[in-house]
Amino acid sequence: MTVLDTAAPTYDNRTAFAEELLELARADERVVAVCNDSVGSSNLVGFREEFPDRLINVGIAEQNLVGVGAGLAAAGLIPFVCAAGPFLTGRSLEQVKADVAYSAHNVILCGMSPGMAYGELGPTHHSVEDLSWLRALPGLDIVVPADRHQTRQAVRQAVADPRPTYIRVGRHKVPDVTAPTDPLERGRFLLARAGSDVTLIGTGTLVSRALAAADLLAADGIDARVLNAAYIAPLDVEAIRDAATQTRAIVTAEEANISGGLGAAVALTVAAQGRGPVVRALGLSEFAPTGSTDLLLEHFGLTGPAIAAAAREALAG
């Protein structure tokens, strides 16, 4: 059973991303990086210094960014296309659809600082629609690492088995919730904590908060299962069905819009069984007000206590 250490150090997943990308680039000359004038915010300064000929900066032109990445992939390279999540997925959605997913080009789309990581910059810079938009595209893997270890694994996996992929690379600091040796399996959730009363399914930054909620519920005698949904697509249908038959309620938590995101995917899977437990989806359903990331997460009920409260309500229902 994983118990969250509330005093544990926290980490910016972009650092792990940059370190792993550099290590892989040293071993495989096919690895290249493409960015949109975001060398600093994408943590590509070290890559530029060591491999200046393998970093392409297209400027603030995200549609070209994705098209260039697709061309590099068609030439046999492994492009990591890096940009802030809202601009990579919003401004260039047509290119992601046509040039990456439909054309089956092995582009690794890296959505930097996703969710509400940009805080006070507001909804124009929040990437909370990305999971909904991209889940609608067949043939595109969606990976949302929960910590620095899963971030490293996602980058390694993208090189070992390249395919059209979107990786959320978190900026808001999170604690370790996995061990370096824990598997990151395509299309599988990771069991972070066993439980038989209620299932909490978190993704990305919300996994640590789901574990915190499980600790609070345990104090009330409620046995919570916690699933780390690192893969949004392909979806772990088996884990969801098990949760629906083995526990009495399901609560999902995502730093994203619940319309079409993880919560919608889980609810649809449960509904397809014909009957099942209450599914409560926590996330966004409106544009965020102005505030820091932590303030906004609290505003939308994406904290350990709020997730625990939602679980109690779901069980009561």
Protein backbone atom coordinates (compact mmCIF):
# COMPACT_ATOMS: atom_id res chain seq x y z
CA MET A 1 0.00 0.00 0.00
CA THR A 2 1.34 3.42 -0.96
CA VAL A 3 0.94 6.09 1.71
CA LEU A 4 1.69 9.62 0.60
CA ASP A 5 4.48 11.35 2.51
CA THR A 6 3.18 14.91 2.78
CA ALA A 7 6.67 16.14 3.70
CA ALA A 8 8.27 14.55 0.63
CA PRO A 9 10.22 16.76 -1.79
CA THR A 10 8.51 17.78 -5.02
CA TYR A 11 9.88 17.98 -8.56
CA ASP A 12 9.27 19.73 -11.87
CA ASN A 13 8.75 16.94 -14.41
CA ARG A 14 10.28 19.07 -17.17
CA THR A 15 13.68 18.55 -15.56
CA ALA A 16 13.36 14.75 -15.78
CA PHE A 17 12.12 15.12 -19.35
CA ALA A 18 15.13 17.20 -20.39
CA GLU A 19 17.66 14.93 -18.68
CA GLU A 20 16.21 11.78 -20.21
CA LEU A 21 15.93 13.31 -23.68
CA LEU A 22 19.61 14.30 -23.59
CA GLU A 23 20.65 10.83 -22.49
CA LEU A 24 18.66 9.21 -25.28
CA ALA A 25 19.97 11.68 -27.87
CA ARG A 26 23.53 10.74 -26.97
CA ALA A 27 22.74 7.10 -27.67
CA ASP A 28 20.49 7.51 -30.74
CA GLU A 29 21.18 10.08 -33.44
CA ARG A 30 17.60 9.79 -34.69
CA VAL A 31 16.38 11.75 -31.65
CA VAL A 32 15.75 15.41 -32.51
CA ALA A 33 13.85 18.25 -30.85
CA VAL A 34 11.54 20.81 -32.43
CA CYS A 35 10.17 23.81 -30.55
CA ASN A 36 8.23 27.05 -31.02
CA ASP A 37 10.59 29.64 -29.58
CA SER A 38 10.28 27.78 -26.27
CA VAL A 39 13.82 26.57 -25.69
CA GLY A 40 13.75 27.84 -22.11
CA SER A 41 10.23 26.86 -21.09
CA SER A 42 10.63 23.45 -22.75
CA ASN A 43 13.91 22.93 -20.84
CA LEU A 44 15.84 22.43 -24.08
CA VAL A 45 18.79 24.71 -23.28
CA GLY A 46 21.07 21.76 -22.55
CA PHE A 47 19.91 19.97 -25.70
CA ARG A 48 20.65 23.06 -27.79
CA GLU A 49 24.13 23.37 -26.33
CA GLU A 50 25.04 19.74 -26.90
CA PHE A 51 23.17 19.11 -30.17
CA PRO A 52 22.69 22.48 -31.91
CA ASP A 53 22.18 20.80 -35.29
CA ARG A 54 19.43 18.57 -33.90
CA LEU A 55 17.25 21.31 -32.44
CA ILE A 56 14.88 23.10 -34.81
CA ASN A 57 13.24 26.27 -33.54
CA VAL A 58 10.40 27.23 -35.88
CA GLY A 59 9.42 30.31 -33.90
CA ILE A 60 5.90 31.08 -32.76
CA ALA A 61 4.30 29.02 -35.53
CA GLU A 62 2.74 25.95 -33.93
CA GLN A 63 1.05 24.68 -37.08
CA ASN A 64 4.41 24.65 -38.83
CA LEU A 65 5.90 23.10 -35.70
CA VAL A 66 3.77 19.99 -36.00
CA GLY A 67 4.16 19.81 -39.78
CA VAL A 68 7.95 19.97 -39.51
CA GLY A 69 7.82 17.24 -36.87
CA ALA A 70 5.76 15.04 -39.17
CA GLY A 71 8.25 15.57 -41.99
CA LEU A 72 11.16 14.61 -39.75
CA ALA A 73 9.32 11.48 -38.65
CA ALA A 74 8.62 10.58 -42.29
CA ALA A 75 12.38 10.81 -42.89
CA GLY A 76 13.04 8.23 -40.17
CA LEU A 77 13.89 10.51 -37.26
CA ILE A 78 12.24 10.56 -33.82
CA PRO A 79 11.08 14.15 -33.28
CA PHE A 80 10.11 15.44 -29.85
CA VAL A 81 7.87 18.38 -30.70
CA CYS A 82 7.79 20.68 -27.68
CA ALA A 83 5.52 23.62 -26.90
CA ALA A 84 3.24 24.89 -24.16
CA GLY A 85 0.26 22.57 -24.02
CA PRO A 86 -2.49 25.06 -24.96
CA PHE A 87 -0.72 26.19 -28.12
CA LEU A 88 0.54 22.78 -29.20
CA THR A 89 -2.92 21.21 -28.98
CA GLY A 90 -5.18 24.19 -29.65
CA ARG A 91 -3.51 26.19 -32.39
CA SER A 92 -2.26 23.15 -34.32
CA LEU A 93 -5.07 20.66 -33.73
CA GLU A 94 -5.69 20.23 -37.47
CA GLN A 95 -2.03 19.35 -38.05
CA VAL A 96 -2.05 16.94 -35.12
CA LYS A 97 -5.10 15.28 -36.65
CA ALA A 98 -3.97 15.17 -40.29
CA ASP A 99 -0.17 15.08 -40.14
CA VAL A 100 0.32 12.94 -37.04
CA ALA A 101 -2.67 10.78 -36.10
CA TYR A 102 -4.24 10.21 -39.53
CA SER A 103 -0.90 9.94 -41.32
CA ALA A 104 0.49 7.69 -38.56
CA HIS A 105 3.74 9.62 -38.33
CA ASN A 106 5.73 8.79 -35.22
CA VAL A 107 5.80 12.28 -33.75
CA ILE A 108 6.19 12.70 -29.99
CA LEU A 109 4.11 15.74 -29.07
CA CYS A 110 5.25 17.15 -25.73
CA GLY A 111 2.69 19.44 -24.11
CA MET A 112 4.71 21.51 -21.66
CA SER A 113 3.25 23.07 -18.51
CA PRO A 114 -0.21 21.51 -18.99
CA GLY A 115 -3.30 21.92 -16.89
CA MET A 116 -3.34 25.17 -14.94
CA ALA A 117 0.44 25.33 -14.45
CA TYR A 118 0.58 28.86 -15.86
CA GLY A 119 -1.68 30.03 -13.03
CA GLU A 120 -2.21 33.77 -13.19
CA LEU A 121 -1.75 33.93 -16.97
CA GLY A 122 -5.29 32.62 -17.14
CA PRO A 123 -7.42 30.46 -19.44
CA THR A 124 -5.56 31.51 -22.61
CA HIS A 125 -2.50 29.74 -21.21
CA HIS A 126 -4.23 26.88 -19.40
CA SER A 127 -4.17 23.53 -21.17
CA VAL A 128 -7.29 21.89 -19.80
CA GLU A 129 -9.03 20.96 -23.06
CA ASP A 130 -6.14 18.91 -24.48
CA LEU A 131 -7.28 15.51 -23.17
CA SER A 132 -10.78 16.04 -24.58
CA TRP A 133 -9.56 17.23 -27.98
CA LEU A 134 -6.94 14.54 -28.41
CA ARG A 135 -9.01 11.61 -27.13
CA ALA A 136 -11.21 12.18 -30.17
CA LEU A 137 -8.33 11.32 -32.51
CA PRO A 138 -7.87 7.63 -33.36
CA GLY A 139 -4.32 6.33 -33.40
CA LEU A 140 -2.84 8.86 -30.96
CA ASP A 141 -1.47 7.67 -27.62
CA ILE A 142 -2.02 10.06 -24.68
CA VAL A 143 0.37 9.75 -21.75
CA VAL A 144 0.06 11.78 -18.54
CA PRO A 145 2.96 10.93 -16.20
CA ALA A 146 2.31 11.37 -12.50
CA ASP A 147 5.89 12.12 -11.44
CA ARG A 148 9.49 12.42 -12.63
CA HIS A 149 9.97 8.63 -12.81
CA GLN A 150 6.99 8.11 -15.11
CA THR A 151 8.10 11.11 -17.17
CA ARG A 152 11.49 9.47 -17.78
CA GLN A 153 9.80 6.20 -18.65
CA ALA A 154 7.43 7.90 -21.09
CA VAL A 155 10.38 9.52 -22.91
CA ARG A 156 12.30 6.24 -23.03
CA GLN A 157 9.23 4.39 -24.26
CA ALA A 158 8.71 6.93 -27.03
CA VAL A 159 12.18 6.18 -28.41
CA ALA A 160 12.07 2.42 -27.89
CA ASP A 161 8.66 2.09 -29.55
CA PRO A 162 7.95 5.28 -31.51
CA ARG A 163 4.33 5.93 -32.45
CA PRO A 164 2.06 9.00 -32.65
CA THR A 165 2.06 10.15 -29.02
CA TYR A 166 1.10 13.10 -26.85
CA ILE A 167 2.91 13.40 -23.52
CA ARG A 168 1.85 15.89 -20.88
CA VAL A 169 5.07 17.18 -19.28
CA GLY A 170 4.10 18.74 -15.98
CA ARG A 171 5.53 21.97 -14.61
CA HIS A 172 3.70 22.18 -11.28
CA LYS A 173 5.91 20.36 -8.80
CA VAL A 174 4.73 16.96 -7.56
CA PRO A 175 6.13 14.33 -5.19
CA ASP A 176 7.26 10.91 -6.31
CA VAL A 177 4.33 8.50 -6.34
CA THR A 178 6.10 5.70 -8.21
CA ALA A 179 9.45 4.00 -7.94
CA PRO A 180 11.96 4.10 -10.80
CA THR A 181 11.36 0.38 -11.32
CA ASP A 182 7.55 0.57 -11.49
CA PRO A 183 6.32 -0.35 -14.97
CA LEU A 184 4.78 2.13 -17.38
CA GLU A 185 2.79 -0.16 -19.64
CA ARG A 186 1.02 1.09 -22.73
CA GLY A 187 -2.72 1.23 -22.15
CA ARG A 188 -2.51 0.19 -18.50
CA PHE A 189 -3.24 1.98 -15.24
CA LEU A 190 -0.83 1.45 -12.36
CA LEU A 191 -2.28 0.26 -9.06
CA ALA A 192 -0.97 2.82 -6.58
CA ARG A 193 -2.96 1.52 -3.62
CA ALA A 194 -5.25 -1.48 -3.15
CA GLY A 195 -8.75 -0.99 -1.75
CA SER A 196 -12.22 -2.49 -1.81
CA ASP A 197 -14.70 0.27 -0.92
CA VAL A 198 -14.16 3.06 -3.45
CA THR A 199 -11.81 3.59 -6.41
CA LEU A 200 -10.00 6.89 -6.92
CA ILE A 201 -8.59 7.28 -10.44
CA GLY A 202 -6.15 10.14 -10.76
CA THR A 203 -3.99 11.26 -13.64
CA GLY A 204 -0.86 13.41 -13.69
CA THR A 205 -0.69 15.93 -10.85
CA LEU A 206 -3.83 14.48 -9.30
CA VAL A 207 -2.37 11.06 -8.47
CA SER A 208 -0.54 12.37 -5.40
CA ARG A 209 -3.71 14.15 -4.32
CA ALA A 210 -5.76 10.97 -4.78
CA LEU A 211 -3.29 9.17 -2.52
CA ALA A 212 -3.67 11.94 0.05
CA ALA A 213 -7.44 11.47 -0.16
CA ALA A 214 -7.04 7.72 0.38
CA ASP A 215 -5.11 8.43 3.59
CA LEU A 216 -7.94 10.67 4.81
CA LEU A 217 -10.56 8.06 3.93
CA ALA A 218 -8.59 5.33 5.72
CA ALA A 219 -8.86 7.35 8.92
CA ASP A 220 -12.66 7.01 8.54
CA GLY A 221 -12.43 3.27 7.91
CA ILE A 222 -12.98 3.60 4.15
CA ASP A 223 -10.70 1.40 2.06
CA ALA A 224 -9.83 3.33 -1.13
CA ARG A 225 -8.20 1.85 -4.20
CA VAL A 226 -6.03 4.35 -6.10
CA LEU A 227 -5.30 3.94 -9.80
CA ASN A 228 -2.62 5.97 -11.54
CA ALA A 229 -4.05 6.65 -15.01
CA ALA A 230 -0.82 7.43 -16.83
CA TYR A 231 -2.38 6.30 -20.11
CA ILE A 232 -5.55 8.07 -21.18
CA ALA A 233 -5.34 6.46 -24.62
CA PRO A 234 -5.29 3.55 -25.04
CA LEU A 235 -7.57 3.32 -22.01
CA ASP A 236 -7.29 0.56 -19.40
CA VAL A 237 -10.81 -0.77 -19.81
CA GLU A 238 -10.05 -3.87 -17.73
CA ALA A 239 -8.96 -1.85 -14.68
CA ILE A 240 -12.09 0.31 -14.94
CA ARG A 241 -14.37 -2.72 -15.19
CA ASP A 242 -12.65 -4.31 -12.21
CA ALA A 243 -13.16 -1.11 -10.22
CA ALA A 244 -16.82 -1.07 -11.21
CA THR A 245 -17.42 -4.63 -10.05
CA GLN A 246 -15.11 -4.75 -7.03
CA THR A 247 -15.78 -1.35 -5.39
CA ARG A 248 -18.95 0.59 -4.64
CA ALA A 249 -18.09 3.92 -6.24
CA ILE A 250 -15.56 5.53 -8.56
CA VAL A 251 -14.15 9.06 -8.35
CA THR A 252 -11.93 10.42 -11.14
CA ALA A 253 -9.68 13.45 -10.73
CA GLU A 254 -7.96 15.32 -13.55
CA GLU A 255 -6.43 18.76 -14.06
CA ALA A 256 -8.49 19.04 -17.20
CA ASN A 257 -12.00 19.57 -18.54
CA ILE A 258 -14.25 16.69 -17.54
CA SER A 259 -16.16 16.91 -20.85
CA GLY A 260 -14.42 14.27 -22.91
CA GLY A 261 -11.50 13.74 -20.54
CA LEU A 262 -10.63 10.94 -18.14
CA GLY A 263 -13.89 11.17 -16.21
CA ALA A 264 -15.96 10.93 -19.37
CA ALA A 265 -13.91 7.96 -20.58
CA VAL A 266 -14.38 6.12 -17.29
CA ALA A 267 -18.12 6.89 -17.12
CA LEU A 268 -18.63 5.68 -20.69
CA THR A 269 -16.78 2.45 -19.94
CA VAL A 270 -18.87 1.81 -16.83
CA ALA A 271 -22.11 2.67 -18.63
CA ALA A 272 -21.28 0.20 -21.40
CA GLN A 273 -21.58 -2.61 -18.84
CA GLY A 274 -25.29 -1.84 -18.45
CA ARG A 275 -25.04 -1.28 -14.72
CA GLY A 276 -22.38 -0.15 -12.31
CA PRO A 277 -21.48 2.09 -9.39
CA VAL A 278 -21.75 5.85 -9.10
CA VAL A 279 -19.02 7.63 -11.09
CA ARG A 280 -18.09 11.12 -9.88
CA ALA A 281 -15.80 13.14 -12.17
CA LEU A 282 -13.70 15.92 -10.67
CA GLY A 283 -12.11 18.49 -12.93
CA LEU A 284 -13.05 21.65 -14.79
CA SER A 285 -16.30 22.54 -16.49
CA GLU A 286 -15.73 26.29 -16.87
CA PHE A 287 -12.93 28.75 -17.52
CA ALA A 288 -10.74 29.31 -14.50
CA PRO A 289 -10.58 32.59 -12.57
CA THR A 290 -7.25 34.34 -12.03
CA GLY A 291 -5.01 32.81 -9.40
CA SER A 292 -2.02 30.64 -8.64
CA THR A 293 -2.01 26.99 -9.64
CA ASP A 294 -2.55 25.79 -6.08
CA LEU A 295 -5.39 28.26 -5.58
CA LEU A 296 -7.06 27.10 -8.79
CA LEU A 297 -6.71 23.43 -7.89
CA GLU A 298 -8.40 24.20 -4.59
CA HIS A 299 -11.08 26.28 -6.33
CA PHE A 300 -12.06 23.32 -8.53
CA GLY A 301 -12.00 20.77 -5.71
CA LEU A 302 -8.80 19.07 -6.84
CA THR A 303 -7.22 18.57 -3.43
CA GLY A 304 -6.88 15.57 -1.14
CA PRO A 305 -9.68 16.67 1.22
CA ALA A 306 -12.02 17.55 -1.68
CA ILE A 307 -11.40 14.21 -3.41
CA ALA A 308 -12.06 12.41 -0.11
CA ALA A 309 -15.29 14.37 0.33
CA ALA A 310 -16.40 13.42 -3.20
CA ALA A 311 -15.70 9.78 -2.42
CA ARG A 312 -17.84 9.91 0.71
CA GLU A 313 -20.69 11.50 -1.24
CA ALA A 314 -20.38 8.92 -4.01
CA LEU A 315 -20.53 6.08 -1.48
CA ALA A 316 -23.56 7.65 0.18
CA GLY A 317 -25.26 7.91 -3.19
